[in-house]
Amino acid sequence: MTSNDRLAKIIAGGRKRYIIVYGVLLWGLLTAVFALALQQLYFKRPIHIADIVFAFIVFPVCGILFGVLMWARLKARYHATMVQSAK
């Protein structure tokens, strides 16, 4: 599968799906887990329920922004490769 085919397949999945999968689930939730683990292991600070709630709300919401920005970048890259391959 070429790069263009892979990009086309991702784009065909749709913007909303991309933002949820790559922004909220992959970036937001993984970042929340990483931040809580870092807090516990590196800073030796106990994790409270408020920390968990905060992490699992704030990071996925930020993941929406991340997903939107990455979608725009993905579309721009796809269009650039399509223009390049048309030459």
PDB file of N, CA and C in Angstrom:
ATOM      1  N   MET A   1       0.851  -1.180   0.000  1.00  0.00           N
ATOM      2  CA  MET A   1       0.000   0.000   0.000  1.00  0.00           C
ATOM      3  C   MET A   1       0.892   1.237   0.000  1.00  0.00           C
ATOM      4  N   THR A   2       0.659   2.109  -0.952  1.00  0.00           N
ATOM      5  CA  THR A   2       1.463   3.321  -1.054  1.00  0.00           C
ATOM      6  C   THR A   2       1.006   4.343  -0.015  1.00  0.00           C
ATOM      7  N   SER A   3       1.802   5.367   0.112  1.00  0.00           N
ATOM      8  CA  SER A   3       1.479   6.437   1.062  1.00  0.00           C
ATOM      9  C   SER A   3       0.159   7.112   0.696  1.00  0.00           C
ATOM     10  N   ASN A   4      -0.046   7.343  -0.601  1.00  0.00           N
ATOM     11  CA  ASN A   4      -1.296   7.967  -1.047  1.00  0.00           C
ATOM     12  C   ASN A   4      -2.498   7.092  -0.737  1.00  0.00           C
ATOM     13  N   ASP A   5      -2.351   5.783  -0.936  1.00  0.00           N
ATOM     14  CA  ASP A   5      -3.450   4.862  -0.637  1.00  0.00           C
ATOM     15  C   ASP A   5      -3.776   4.864   0.850  1.00  0.00           C
ATOM     16  N   ARG A   6      -2.733   4.890   1.664  1.00  0.00           N
ATOM     17  CA  ARG A   6      -2.936   4.901   3.115  1.00  0.00           C
ATOM     18  C   ARG A   6      -3.627   6.182   3.557  1.00  0.00           C
ATOM     19  N   LEU A   7      -3.177   7.313   3.022  1.00  0.00           N
ATOM     20  CA  LEU A   7      -3.811   8.591   3.347  1.00  0.00           C
ATOM     21  C   LEU A   7      -5.254   8.619   2.874  1.00  0.00           C
ATOM     22  N   ALA A   8      -5.501   8.108   1.677  1.00  0.00           N
ATOM     23  CA  ALA A   8      -6.864   8.083   1.141  1.00  0.00           C
ATOM     24  C   ALA A   8      -7.774   7.219   2.006  1.00  0.00           C
ATOM     25  N   LYS A   9      -7.252   6.103   2.496  1.00  0.00           N
ATOM     26  CA  LYS A   9      -8.041   5.217   3.351  1.00  0.00           C
ATOM     27  C   LYS A   9      -8.397   5.907   4.678  1.00  0.00           C
ATOM     28  N   ILE A  10      -7.444   6.606   5.259  1.00  0.00           N
ATOM     29  CA  ILE A  10      -7.698   7.328   6.512  1.00  0.00           C
ATOM     30  C   ILE A  10      -8.725   8.435   6.286  1.00  0.00           C
ATOM     31  N   ILE A  11      -8.563   9.188   5.210  1.00  0.00           N
ATOM     32  CA  ILE A  11      -9.485  10.279   4.900  1.00  0.00           C
ATOM     33  C   ILE A  11     -10.880   9.747   4.604  1.00  0.00           C
ATOM     34  N   ALA A  12     -10.949   8.590   3.952  1.00  0.00           N
ATOM     35  CA  ALA A  12     -12.256   7.990   3.643  1.00  0.00           C
ATOM     36  C   ALA A  12     -13.012   7.617   4.914  1.00  0.00           C
ATOM     37  N   GLY A  13     -12.277   7.362   5.992  1.00  0.00           N
ATOM     38  CA  GLY A  13     -12.916   7.055   7.273  1.00  0.00           C
ATOM     39  C   GLY A  13     -13.675   8.236   7.857  1.00  0.00           C
ATOM     40  N   GLY A  14     -13.307   9.425   7.446  1.00  0.00           N
ATOM     41  CA  GLY A  14     -14.010  10.622   7.897  1.00  0.00           C
ATOM     42  C   GLY A  14     -13.302  11.385   8.998  1.00  0.00           C
ATOM     43  N   ARG A  15     -13.632  12.661   9.042  1.00  0.00           N
ATOM     44  CA  ARG A  15     -13.015  13.579  10.003  1.00  0.00           C
ATOM     45  C   ARG A  15     -13.376  13.230  11.446  1.00  0.00           C
ATOM     46  N   LYS A  16     -14.656  12.990  11.671  1.00  0.00           N
ATOM     47  CA  LYS A  16     -15.127  12.723  13.029  1.00  0.00           C
ATOM     48  C   LYS A  16     -14.462  11.467  13.606  1.00  0.00           C
ATOM     49  N   ARG A  17     -14.407  10.416  12.808  1.00  0.00           N
ATOM     50  CA  ARG A  17     -13.781   9.168  13.257  1.00  0.00           C
ATOM     51  C   ARG A  17     -12.296   9.386  13.540  1.00  0.00           C
ATOM     52  N   TYR A  18     -11.624  10.120  12.671  1.00  0.00           N
ATOM     53  CA  TYR A  18     -10.198  10.393  12.845  1.00  0.00           C
ATOM     54  C   TYR A  18      -9.945  11.141  14.156  1.00  0.00           C
ATOM     55  N   ILE A  19     -10.751  12.160  14.417  1.00  0.00           N
ATOM     56  CA  ILE A  19     -10.568  12.956  15.636  1.00  0.00           C
ATOM     57  C   ILE A  19     -10.815  12.104  16.873  1.00  0.00           C
ATOM     58  N   ILE A  20     -11.846  11.269  16.843  1.00  0.00           N
ATOM     59  CA  ILE A  20     -12.147  10.432  18.003  1.00  0.00           C
ATOM     60  C   ILE A  20     -11.056   9.385  18.221  1.00  0.00           C
ATOM     61  N   VAL A  21     -10.673   8.692  17.152  1.00  0.00           N
ATOM     62  CA  VAL A  21      -9.692   7.610  17.300  1.00  0.00           C
ATOM     63  C   VAL A  21      -8.304   8.152  17.625  1.00  0.00           C
ATOM     64  N   TYR A  22      -7.795   9.046  16.776  1.00  0.00           N
ATOM     65  CA  TYR A  22      -6.418   9.504  16.934  1.00  0.00           C
ATOM     66  C   TYR A  22      -6.270  10.620  17.964  1.00  0.00           C
ATOM     67  N   GLY A  23      -7.274  11.477  18.090  1.00  0.00           N
ATOM     68  CA  GLY A  23      -7.188  12.582  19.038  1.00  0.00           C
ATOM     69  C   GLY A  23      -7.598  12.191  20.441  1.00  0.00           C
ATOM     70  N   VAL A  24      -8.843  11.736  20.580  1.00  0.00           N
ATOM     71  CA  VAL A  24      -9.384  11.462  21.913  1.00  0.00           C
ATOM     72  C   VAL A  24      -8.840  10.157  22.481  1.00  0.00           C
ATOM     73  N   LEU A  25      -8.975   9.069  21.729  1.00  0.00           N
ATOM     74  CA  LEU A  25      -8.584   7.757  22.266  1.00  0.00           C
ATOM     75  C   LEU A  25      -7.073   7.581  22.332  1.00  0.00           C
ATOM     76  N   LEU A  26      -6.404   7.753  21.201  1.00  0.00           N
ATOM     77  CA  LEU A  26      -4.965   7.478  21.198  1.00  0.00           C
ATOM     78  C   LEU A  26      -4.145   8.568  21.875  1.00  0.00           C
ATOM     79  N   TRP A  27      -4.412   9.821  21.584  1.00  0.00           N
ATOM     80  CA  TRP A  27      -3.612  10.867  22.203  1.00  0.00           C
ATOM     81  C   TRP A  27      -4.132  11.212  23.601  1.00  0.00           C
ATOM     82  N   GLY A  28      -5.413  11.494  23.704  1.00  0.00           N
ATOM     83  CA  GLY A  28      -5.971  11.974  24.970  1.00  0.00           C
ATOM     84  C   GLY A  28      -5.897  10.964  26.099  1.00  0.00           C
ATOM     85  N   LEU A  29      -6.379   9.759  25.864  1.00  0.00           N
ATOM     86  CA  LEU A  29      -6.393   8.762  26.936  1.00  0.00           C
ATOM     87  C   LEU A  29      -5.006   8.241  27.256  1.00  0.00           C
ATOM     88  N   LEU A  30      -4.188   8.026  26.239  1.00  0.00           N
ATOM     89  CA  LEU A  30      -2.819   7.571  26.514  1.00  0.00           C
ATOM     90  C   LEU A  30      -2.012   8.633  27.254  1.00  0.00           C
ATOM     91  N   THR A  31      -2.223   9.878  26.920  1.00  0.00           N
ATOM     92  CA  THR A  31      -1.533  10.961  27.625  1.00  0.00           C
ATOM     93  C   THR A  31      -2.005  11.050  29.071  1.00  0.00           C
ATOM     94  N   ALA A  32      -3.285  10.830  29.297  1.00  0.00           N
ATOM     95  CA  ALA A  32      -3.808  10.839  30.666  1.00  0.00           C
ATOM     96  C   ALA A  32      -3.168   9.729  31.490  1.00  0.00           C
ATOM     97  N   VAL A  33      -3.098   8.537  30.929  1.00  0.00           N
ATOM     98  CA  VAL A  33      -2.476   7.406  31.637  1.00  0.00           C
ATOM     99  C   VAL A  33      -0.999   7.692  31.885  1.00  0.00           C
ATOM    100  N   PHE A  34      -0.307   8.209  30.872  1.00  0.00           N
ATOM    101  CA  PHE A  34       1.112   8.530  31.019  1.00  0.00           C
ATOM    102  C   PHE A  34       1.326   9.600  32.089  1.00  0.00           C
ATOM    103  N   ALA A  35       0.499  10.625  32.098  1.00  0.00           N
ATOM    104  CA  ALA A  35       0.642  11.704  33.086  1.00  0.00           C
ATOM    105  C   ALA A  35       0.421  11.182  34.504  1.00  0.00           C
ATOM    106  N   LEU A  36      -0.574  10.322  34.667  1.00  0.00           N
ATOM    107  CA  LEU A  36      -0.822   9.751  36.001  1.00  0.00           C
ATOM    108  C   LEU A  36       0.314   8.835  36.428  1.00  0.00           C
ATOM    109  N   ALA A  37       0.826   8.050  35.491  1.00  0.00           N
ATOM    110  CA  ALA A  37       1.951   7.167  35.815  1.00  0.00           C
ATOM    111  C   ALA A  37       3.193   7.974  36.161  1.00  0.00           C
ATOM    112  N   LEU A  38       3.436   9.029  35.409  1.00  0.00           N
ATOM    113  CA  LEU A  38       4.580   9.897  35.686  1.00  0.00           C
ATOM    114  C   LEU A  38       4.446  10.546  37.061  1.00  0.00           C
ATOM    115  N   GLN A  39       3.258  10.971  37.379  1.00  0.00           N
ATOM    116  CA  GLN A  39       2.997  11.581  38.683  1.00  0.00           C
ATOM    117  C   GLN A  39       3.304  10.598  39.805  1.00  0.00           C
ATOM    118  N   GLN A  40       2.904   9.368  39.625  1.00  0.00           N
ATOM    119  CA  GLN A  40       3.096   8.357  40.654  1.00  0.00           C
ATOM    120  C   GLN A  40       4.550   7.884  40.732  1.00  0.00           C
ATOM    121  N   LEU A  41       5.141   7.560  39.597  1.00  0.00           N
ATOM    122  CA  LEU A  41       6.467   6.933  39.590  1.00  0.00           C
ATOM    123  C   LEU A  41       7.621   7.923  39.715  1.00  0.00           C
ATOM    124  N   TYR A  42       7.537   9.034  39.042  1.00  0.00           N
ATOM    125  CA  TYR A  42       8.645   9.977  39.026  1.00  0.00           C
ATOM    126  C   TYR A  42       8.579  10.970  40.179  1.00  0.00           C
ATOM    127  N   PHE A  43       7.414  11.545  40.383  1.00  0.00           N
ATOM    128  CA  PHE A  43       7.270  12.563  41.419  1.00  0.00           C
ATOM    129  C   PHE A  43       6.912  11.981  42.779  1.00  0.00           C
ATOM    130  N   LYS A  44       6.632  10.683  42.813  1.00  0.00           N
ATOM    131  CA  LYS A  44       6.299   9.981  44.065  1.00  0.00           C
ATOM    132  C   LYS A  44       5.133  10.635  44.796  1.00  0.00           C
ATOM    133  N   ARG A  45       4.181  11.113  44.034  1.00  0.00           N
ATOM    134  CA  ARG A  45       3.008  11.771  44.597  1.00  0.00           C
ATOM    135  C   ARG A  45       1.827  10.821  44.478  1.00  0.00           C
ATOM    136  N   PRO A  46       1.075  10.606  45.544  1.00  0.00           N
ATOM    137  CA  PRO A  46      -0.073   9.702  45.445  1.00  0.00           C
ATOM    138  C   PRO A  46      -1.140  10.262  44.498  1.00  0.00           C
ATOM    139  N   ILE A  47      -1.810   9.355  43.836  1.00  0.00           N
ATOM    140  CA  ILE A  47      -2.850   9.748  42.887  1.00  0.00           C
ATOM    141  C   ILE A  47      -4.194   9.742  43.607  1.00  0.00           C
ATOM    142  N   HIS A  48      -4.892  10.867  43.556  1.00  0.00           N
ATOM    143  CA  HIS A  48      -6.206  10.993  44.168  1.00  0.00           C
ATOM    144  C   HIS A  48      -7.274  10.900  43.086  1.00  0.00           C
ATOM    145  N   ILE A  49      -8.494  10.671  43.491  1.00  0.00           N
ATOM    146  CA  ILE A  49      -9.594  10.549  42.540  1.00  0.00           C
ATOM    147  C   ILE A  49      -9.762  11.820  41.712  1.00  0.00           C
ATOM    148  N   ALA A  50      -9.499  12.964  42.309  1.00  0.00           N
ATOM    149  CA  ALA A  50      -9.602  14.237  41.580  1.00  0.00           C
ATOM    150  C   ALA A  50      -8.567  14.300  40.461  1.00  0.00           C
ATOM    151  N   ASP A  51      -7.372  13.746  40.707  1.00  0.00           N
ATOM    152  CA  ASP A  51      -6.341  13.706  39.671  1.00  0.00           C
ATOM    153  C   ASP A  51      -6.782  12.844  38.495  1.00  0.00           C
ATOM    154  N   ILE A  52      -7.399  11.720  38.797  1.00  0.00           N
ATOM    155  CA  ILE A  52      -7.858  10.801  37.759  1.00  0.00           C
ATOM    156  C   ILE A  52      -8.974  11.456  36.934  1.00  0.00           C
ATOM    157  N   VAL A  53      -9.934  12.039  37.615  1.00  0.00           N
ATOM    158  CA  VAL A  53     -11.045  12.693  36.920  1.00  0.00           C
ATOM    159  C   VAL A  53     -10.515  13.837  36.054  1.00  0.00           C
ATOM    160  N   PHE A  54      -9.639  14.639  36.618  1.00  0.00           N
ATOM    161  CA  PHE A  54      -9.060  15.757  35.875  1.00  0.00           C
ATOM    162  C   PHE A  54      -8.336  15.260  34.625  1.00  0.00           C
ATOM    163  N   ALA A  55      -7.474  14.250  34.783  1.00  0.00           N
ATOM    164  CA  ALA A  55      -6.686  13.739  33.663  1.00  0.00           C
ATOM    165  C   ALA A  55      -7.572  13.153  32.569  1.00  0.00           C
ATOM    166  N   PHE A  56      -8.615  12.411  32.976  1.00  0.00           N
ATOM    167  CA  PHE A  56      -9.458  11.757  31.984  1.00  0.00           C
ATOM    168  C   PHE A  56     -10.541  12.666  31.405  1.00  0.00           C
ATOM    169  N   ILE A  57     -10.565  13.918  31.837  1.00  0.00           N
ATOM    170  CA  ILE A  57     -11.435  14.908  31.198  1.00  0.00           C
ATOM    171  C   ILE A  57     -10.589  15.872  30.365  1.00  0.00           C
ATOM    172  N   VAL A  58      -9.557  16.430  30.972  1.00  0.00           N
ATOM    173  CA  VAL A  58      -8.765  17.462  30.304  1.00  0.00           C
ATOM    174  C   VAL A  58      -7.992  16.912  29.104  1.00  0.00           C
ATOM    175  N   PHE A  59      -7.301  15.805  29.268  1.00  0.00           N
ATOM    176  CA  PHE A  59      -6.489  15.299  28.165  1.00  0.00           C
ATOM    177  C   PHE A  59      -7.321  14.861  26.957  1.00  0.00           C
ATOM    178  N   PRO A  60      -8.432  14.154  27.123  1.00  0.00           N
ATOM    179  CA  PRO A  60      -9.245  13.860  25.940  1.00  0.00           C
ATOM    180  C   PRO A  60      -9.830  15.105  25.268  1.00  0.00           C
ATOM    181  N   VAL A  61     -10.192  16.111  26.059  1.00  0.00           N
ATOM    182  CA  VAL A  61     -10.678  17.367  25.453  1.00  0.00           C
ATOM    183  C   VAL A  61      -9.549  18.016  24.647  1.00  0.00           C
ATOM    184  N   CYS A  62      -8.354  18.011  25.184  1.00  0.00           N
ATOM    185  CA  CYS A  62      -7.204  18.516  24.422  1.00  0.00           C
ATOM    186  C   CYS A  62      -6.938  17.631  23.209  1.00  0.00           C
ATOM    187  N   GLY A  63      -7.263  16.342  23.327  1.00  0.00           N
ATOM    188  CA  GLY A  63      -7.116  15.426  22.205  1.00  0.00           C
ATOM    189  C   GLY A  63      -8.004  15.793  21.036  1.00  0.00           C
ATOM    190  N   ILE A  64      -9.141  16.407  21.319  1.00  0.00           N
ATOM    191  CA  ILE A  64     -10.011  16.887  20.233  1.00  0.00           C
ATOM    192  C   ILE A  64      -9.265  17.939  19.420  1.00  0.00           C
ATOM    193  N   LEU A  65      -8.649  18.880  20.100  1.00  0.00           N
ATOM    194  CA  LEU A  65      -7.869  19.910  19.412  1.00  0.00           C
ATOM    195  C   LEU A  65      -6.719  19.272  18.642  1.00  0.00           C
ATOM    196  N   PHE A  66      -6.031  18.333  19.262  1.00  0.00           N
ATOM    197  CA  PHE A  66      -4.941  17.623  18.596  1.00  0.00           C
ATOM    198  C   PHE A  66      -5.452  16.924  17.335  1.00  0.00           C
ATOM    199  N   GLY A  67      -6.583  16.250  17.449  1.00  0.00           N
ATOM    200  CA  GLY A  67      -7.161  15.550  16.302  1.00  0.00           C
ATOM    201  C   GLY A  67      -7.542  16.485  15.172  1.00  0.00           C
ATOM    202  N   VAL A  68      -8.115  17.633  15.514  1.00  0.00           N
ATOM    203  CA  VAL A  68      -8.495  18.624  14.493  1.00  0.00           C
ATOM    204  C   VAL A  68      -7.254  19.148  13.766  1.00  0.00           C
ATOM    205  N   LEU A  69      -6.217  19.463  14.525  1.00  0.00           N
ATOM    206  CA  LEU A  69      -4.988  19.967  13.914  1.00  0.00           C
ATOM    207  C   LEU A  69      -4.324  18.903  13.046  1.00  0.00           C
ATOM    208  N   MET A  70      -4.289  17.669  13.514  1.00  0.00           N
ATOM    209  CA  MET A  70      -3.681  16.584  12.740  1.00  0.00           C
ATOM    210  C   MET A  70      -4.508  16.255  11.498  1.00  0.00           C
ATOM    211  N   TRP A  71      -5.828  16.384  11.585  1.00  0.00           N
ATOM    212  CA  TRP A  71      -6.688  16.164  10.412  1.00  0.00           C
ATOM    213  C   TRP A  71      -6.366  17.186   9.329  1.00  0.00           C
ATOM    214  N   ALA A  72      -6.230  18.439   9.735  1.00  0.00           N
ATOM    215  CA  ALA A  72      -5.903  19.493   8.767  1.00  0.00           C
ATOM    216  C   ALA A  72      -4.542  19.226   8.133  1.00  0.00           C
ATOM    217  N   ARG A  73      -3.599  18.800   8.927  1.00  0.00           N
ATOM    218  CA  ARG A  73      -2.264  18.480   8.414  1.00  0.00           C
ATOM    219  C   ARG A  73      -2.317  17.282   7.462  1.00  0.00           C
ATOM    220  N   LEU A  74      -3.099  16.285   7.822  1.00  0.00           N
ATOM    221  CA  LEU A  74      -3.255  15.092   6.994  1.00  0.00           C
ATOM    222  C   LEU A  74      -3.863  15.450   5.634  1.00  0.00           C
ATOM    223  N   LYS A  75      -4.914  16.256   5.661  1.00  0.00           N
ATOM    224  CA  LYS A  75      -5.568  16.666   4.410  1.00  0.00           C
ATOM    225  C   LYS A  75      -4.607  17.471   3.533  1.00  0.00           C
ATOM    226  N   ALA A  76      -3.847  18.369   4.144  1.00  0.00           N
ATOM    227  CA  ALA A  76      -2.894  19.175   3.382  1.00  0.00           C
ATOM    228  C   ALA A  76      -1.828  18.278   2.759  1.00  0.00           C
ATOM    229  N   ARG A  77      -1.351  17.312   3.522  1.00  0.00           N
ATOM    230  CA  ARG A  77      -0.344  16.394   3.001  1.00  0.00           C
ATOM    231  C   ARG A  77      -0.905  15.545   1.863  1.00  0.00           C
ATOM    232  N   TYR A  78      -2.139  15.109   2.021  1.00  0.00           N
ATOM    233  CA  TYR A  78      -2.781  14.309   0.976  1.00  0.00           C
ATOM    234  C   TYR A  78      -2.944  15.123  -0.306  1.00  0.00           C
ATOM    235  N   HIS A  79      -3.416  16.344  -0.172  1.00  0.00           N
ATOM    236  CA  HIS A  79      -3.593  17.194  -1.352  1.00  0.00           C
ATOM    237  C   HIS A  79      -2.249  17.508  -2.014  1.00  0.00           C
ATOM    238  N   ALA A  80      -1.214  17.703  -1.214  1.00  0.00           N
ATOM    239  CA  ALA A  80       0.105  17.973  -1.761  1.00  0.00           C
ATOM    240  C   ALA A  80       0.625  16.757  -2.531  1.00  0.00           C
ATOM    241  N   THR A  81       0.404  15.571  -2.017  1.00  0.00           N
ATOM    242  CA  THR A  81       0.862  14.375  -2.727  1.00  0.00           C
ATOM    243  C   THR A  81       0.045  14.129  -3.990  1.00  0.00           C
ATOM    244  N   MET A  82      -1.235  14.480  -3.953  1.00  0.00           N
ATOM    245  CA  MET A  82      -2.062  14.319  -5.143  1.00  0.00           C
ATOM    246  C   MET A  82      -1.626  15.285  -6.255  1.00  0.00           C
ATOM    247  N   VAL A  83      -1.295  16.519  -5.875  1.00  0.00           N
ATOM    248  CA  VAL A  83      -0.826  17.505  -6.844  1.00  0.00           C
ATOM    249  C   VAL A  83       0.522  17.058  -7.396  1.00  0.00           C
ATOM    250  N   GLN A  84       1.380  16.562  -6.513  1.00  0.00           N
ATOM    251  CA  GLN A  84       2.720  16.104  -6.924  1.00  0.00           C
ATOM    252  C   GLN A  84       2.610  14.915  -7.884  1.00  0.00           C
ATOM    253  N   SER A  85       1.704  13.990  -7.609  1.00  0.00           N
ATOM    254  CA  SER A  85       1.572  12.807  -8.472  1.00  0.00           C
ATOM    255  C   SER A  85       0.880  13.143  -9.786  1.00  0.00           C
ATOM    256  N   ALA A  86       0.141  14.249  -9.837  1.00  0.00           N
ATOM    257  CA  ALA A  86      -0.537  14.660 -11.071  1.00  0.00           C
ATOM    258  C   ALA A  86       0.427  15.293 -12.066  1.00  0.00           C
ATOM    259  N   LYS A  87       1.581  15.735 -11.571  1.00  0.00           N
ATOM    260  CA  LYS A  87       2.579  16.390 -12.451  1.00  0.00           C
ATOM    261  C   LYS A  87       3.316  15.386 -13.298  1.00  0.00           C
TER     262      LYS A  87
END
